[in-house]
N, C-alpha and C. Protein backbone atom coordinates (compact mmCIF):
# COMPACT_ATOMS: atom_id res chain seq x y z
N MET A 1 -167.97 1.51 19.54
CA MET A 1 -168.22 0.16 19.95
C MET A 1 -168.50 0.15 21.45
N THR A 2 -169.49 -0.60 21.86
CA THR A 2 -169.82 -0.77 23.27
C THR A 2 -169.55 -2.22 23.64
N ALA A 3 -168.92 -2.43 24.78
CA ALA A 3 -168.62 -3.79 25.23
C ALA A 3 -168.93 -3.91 26.71
N LEU A 4 -169.47 -5.03 27.09
CA LEU A 4 -169.70 -5.34 28.49
C LEU A 4 -168.86 -6.56 28.83
N LEU A 5 -167.94 -6.41 29.77
CA LEU A 5 -167.10 -7.50 30.22
C LEU A 5 -167.39 -7.73 31.69
N SER A 6 -167.64 -8.96 32.07
CA SER A 6 -167.93 -9.23 33.47
C SER A 6 -167.38 -10.58 33.89
N ASP A 7 -167.25 -10.74 35.17
CA ASP A 7 -166.78 -12.00 35.76
C ASP A 7 -167.71 -12.31 36.92
N SER A 8 -168.35 -13.43 36.88
CA SER A 8 -169.32 -13.76 37.92
C SER A 8 -168.84 -14.86 38.86
N THR A 9 -167.59 -15.26 38.75
CA THR A 9 -167.07 -16.30 39.63
C THR A 9 -167.12 -15.83 41.08
N ASN A 10 -167.72 -16.62 41.93
CA ASN A 10 -167.86 -16.32 43.37
C ASN A 10 -168.66 -15.07 43.65
N VAL A 11 -169.57 -14.69 42.76
CA VAL A 11 -170.37 -13.49 42.95
C VAL A 11 -171.25 -13.60 44.20
N GLU A 12 -171.58 -14.82 44.61
CA GLU A 12 -172.43 -15.01 45.78
C GLU A 12 -171.70 -14.78 47.09
N ASN A 13 -170.38 -14.75 47.06
CA ASN A 13 -169.57 -14.60 48.27
C ASN A 13 -169.27 -13.13 48.53
N SER A 14 -169.49 -12.69 49.75
CA SER A 14 -169.17 -11.30 50.08
C SER A 14 -167.68 -11.16 50.34
N GLY A 15 -167.20 -9.94 50.30
CA GLY A 15 -165.79 -9.68 50.57
C GLY A 15 -165.01 -9.42 49.31
N TYR A 16 -163.75 -9.76 49.34
CA TYR A 16 -162.88 -9.50 48.20
C TYR A 16 -161.98 -10.70 47.97
N THR A 17 -161.31 -10.72 46.85
CA THR A 17 -160.37 -11.80 46.55
C THR A 17 -158.95 -11.27 46.71
N LEU A 18 -158.01 -12.18 46.77
CA LEU A 18 -156.60 -11.80 46.92
C LEU A 18 -156.11 -11.10 45.66
N SER A 19 -155.11 -10.25 45.82
CA SER A 19 -154.49 -9.64 44.66
C SER A 19 -153.65 -10.70 43.95
N GLU A 20 -153.32 -10.45 42.70
CA GLU A 20 -152.50 -11.40 41.95
C GLU A 20 -151.13 -11.57 42.57
N ARG A 21 -150.60 -10.53 43.19
CA ARG A 21 -149.31 -10.64 43.87
C ARG A 21 -149.41 -11.62 45.05
N GLU A 22 -150.50 -11.54 45.80
CA GLU A 22 -150.70 -12.46 46.93
C GLU A 22 -150.90 -13.89 46.43
N VAL A 23 -151.60 -14.04 45.34
CA VAL A 23 -151.80 -15.38 44.76
C VAL A 23 -150.46 -15.96 44.32
N GLY A 24 -149.64 -15.14 43.68
CA GLY A 24 -148.32 -15.59 43.24
C GLY A 24 -147.46 -16.05 44.40
N GLN A 25 -147.48 -15.31 45.50
CA GLN A 25 -146.72 -15.71 46.69
C GLN A 25 -147.27 -17.00 47.29
N ALA A 26 -148.60 -17.13 47.31
CA ALA A 26 -149.21 -18.36 47.83
C ALA A 26 -148.82 -19.57 46.99
N LEU A 27 -148.77 -19.39 45.67
CA LEU A 27 -148.33 -20.49 44.80
C LEU A 27 -146.89 -20.89 45.13
N LEU A 28 -146.04 -19.89 45.29
CA LEU A 28 -144.64 -20.17 45.62
C LEU A 28 -144.53 -20.89 46.96
N ASP A 29 -145.34 -20.49 47.94
CA ASP A 29 -145.34 -21.15 49.25
C ASP A 29 -145.76 -22.60 49.14
N VAL A 30 -146.79 -22.86 48.34
CA VAL A 30 -147.27 -24.24 48.16
C VAL A 30 -146.19 -25.07 47.46
N PHE A 31 -145.59 -24.53 46.41
CA PHE A 31 -144.56 -25.26 45.68
C PHE A 31 -143.37 -25.56 46.59
N THR A 32 -142.99 -24.58 47.41
CA THR A 32 -141.84 -24.75 48.29
C THR A 32 -142.11 -25.84 49.34
N GLY A 33 -143.32 -25.91 49.85
CA GLY A 33 -143.65 -26.87 50.90
C GLY A 33 -144.07 -28.24 50.41
N ALA A 34 -144.19 -28.40 49.12
CA ALA A 34 -144.65 -29.69 48.58
C ALA A 34 -143.53 -30.73 48.64
N PRO A 35 -143.84 -31.93 49.16
CA PRO A 35 -142.81 -32.96 49.24
C PRO A 35 -142.51 -33.62 47.89
N GLY A 36 -143.37 -33.41 46.91
CA GLY A 36 -143.17 -34.03 45.60
C GLY A 36 -143.79 -33.18 44.51
N ARG A 37 -144.46 -33.83 43.60
CA ARG A 37 -145.08 -33.12 42.48
C ARG A 37 -146.25 -32.26 42.93
N VAL A 38 -146.48 -31.20 42.19
CA VAL A 38 -147.63 -30.32 42.43
C VAL A 38 -148.48 -30.34 41.16
N ILE A 39 -149.76 -30.63 41.31
CA ILE A 39 -150.70 -30.62 40.19
C ILE A 39 -151.56 -29.38 40.32
N VAL A 40 -151.62 -28.58 39.26
CA VAL A 40 -152.34 -27.32 39.29
C VAL A 40 -153.49 -27.36 38.30
N ALA A 41 -154.67 -26.90 38.73
CA ALA A 41 -155.83 -26.77 37.86
C ALA A 41 -156.33 -25.34 37.95
N MET A 42 -156.80 -24.79 36.83
CA MET A 42 -157.27 -23.41 36.82
C MET A 42 -158.17 -23.18 35.62
N PHE A 43 -158.80 -22.00 35.60
CA PHE A 43 -159.56 -21.61 34.43
C PHE A 43 -158.58 -21.36 33.29
N ALA A 44 -158.85 -21.90 32.14
CA ALA A 44 -157.96 -21.73 31.00
C ALA A 44 -157.87 -20.27 30.57
N SER A 45 -158.88 -19.47 30.88
CA SER A 45 -158.88 -18.08 30.46
C SER A 45 -157.97 -17.20 31.32
N ASN A 46 -157.46 -17.72 32.42
CA ASN A 46 -156.60 -16.92 33.29
C ASN A 46 -155.14 -17.12 32.89
N VAL A 47 -154.74 -16.46 31.81
CA VAL A 47 -153.40 -16.61 31.28
C VAL A 47 -152.35 -16.12 32.28
N HIS A 48 -152.66 -15.06 33.01
CA HIS A 48 -151.71 -14.54 33.99
C HIS A 48 -151.42 -15.57 35.08
N ARG A 49 -152.42 -16.31 35.51
CA ARG A 49 -152.22 -17.34 36.54
C ARG A 49 -151.32 -18.46 36.01
N ILE A 50 -151.49 -18.81 34.75
CA ILE A 50 -150.62 -19.82 34.14
C ILE A 50 -149.17 -19.33 34.20
N GLN A 51 -148.96 -18.06 33.88
CA GLN A 51 -147.61 -17.49 33.94
C GLN A 51 -147.07 -17.50 35.36
N GLN A 52 -147.92 -17.23 36.35
CA GLN A 52 -147.47 -17.25 37.75
C GLN A 52 -147.00 -18.65 38.15
N VAL A 53 -147.71 -19.67 37.71
CA VAL A 53 -147.32 -21.05 38.01
C VAL A 53 -145.96 -21.35 37.38
N LEU A 54 -145.78 -20.96 36.12
CA LEU A 54 -144.51 -21.19 35.45
C LEU A 54 -143.38 -20.41 36.11
N ASP A 55 -143.65 -19.18 36.53
CA ASP A 55 -142.63 -18.38 37.20
C ASP A 55 -142.22 -19.01 38.54
N ALA A 56 -143.18 -19.46 39.31
CA ALA A 56 -142.89 -20.09 40.61
C ALA A 56 -142.06 -21.35 40.41
N ARG A 57 -142.41 -22.13 39.42
CA ARG A 57 -141.67 -23.36 39.13
C ARG A 57 -140.24 -23.01 38.72
N GLY A 58 -140.08 -21.96 37.92
CA GLY A 58 -138.75 -21.55 37.46
C GLY A 58 -137.88 -21.05 38.60
N LEU A 59 -138.47 -20.39 39.58
CA LEU A 59 -137.70 -19.90 40.72
C LEU A 59 -137.17 -21.04 41.57
N LEU A 60 -137.92 -22.13 41.62
CA LEU A 60 -137.53 -23.24 42.49
C LEU A 60 -136.58 -24.23 41.82
N SER A 61 -136.70 -24.41 40.54
CA SER A 61 -135.83 -25.37 39.86
C SER A 61 -135.53 -24.90 38.43
N PRO A 62 -134.77 -23.82 38.28
CA PRO A 62 -134.52 -23.26 36.96
C PRO A 62 -133.73 -24.16 36.02
N ALA A 63 -132.95 -25.08 36.56
CA ALA A 63 -132.11 -25.93 35.70
C ALA A 63 -132.86 -27.12 35.12
N ARG A 64 -134.00 -27.47 35.70
CA ARG A 64 -134.74 -28.64 35.23
C ARG A 64 -135.61 -28.29 34.04
N SER A 65 -135.79 -29.23 33.15
CA SER A 65 -136.71 -29.02 32.03
C SER A 65 -138.11 -29.37 32.47
N PRO A 66 -139.14 -28.77 31.83
CA PRO A 66 -140.54 -29.04 32.26
C PRO A 66 -140.96 -30.47 32.07
């Protein structure tokens, strides 16, 4: 079987993107500094990013229900 998998998001921009570890820390920083609710939007296909958001929320308020 031959498969071609590609991602063209921001292909026009030179350079590189942050690692997932850096993104996770940035999410935690935003959540920590937010005075109230945080609304998050993302590509539905990025399951790992969804998990990072849930992990950051859990670190800040583990006793609260979603």
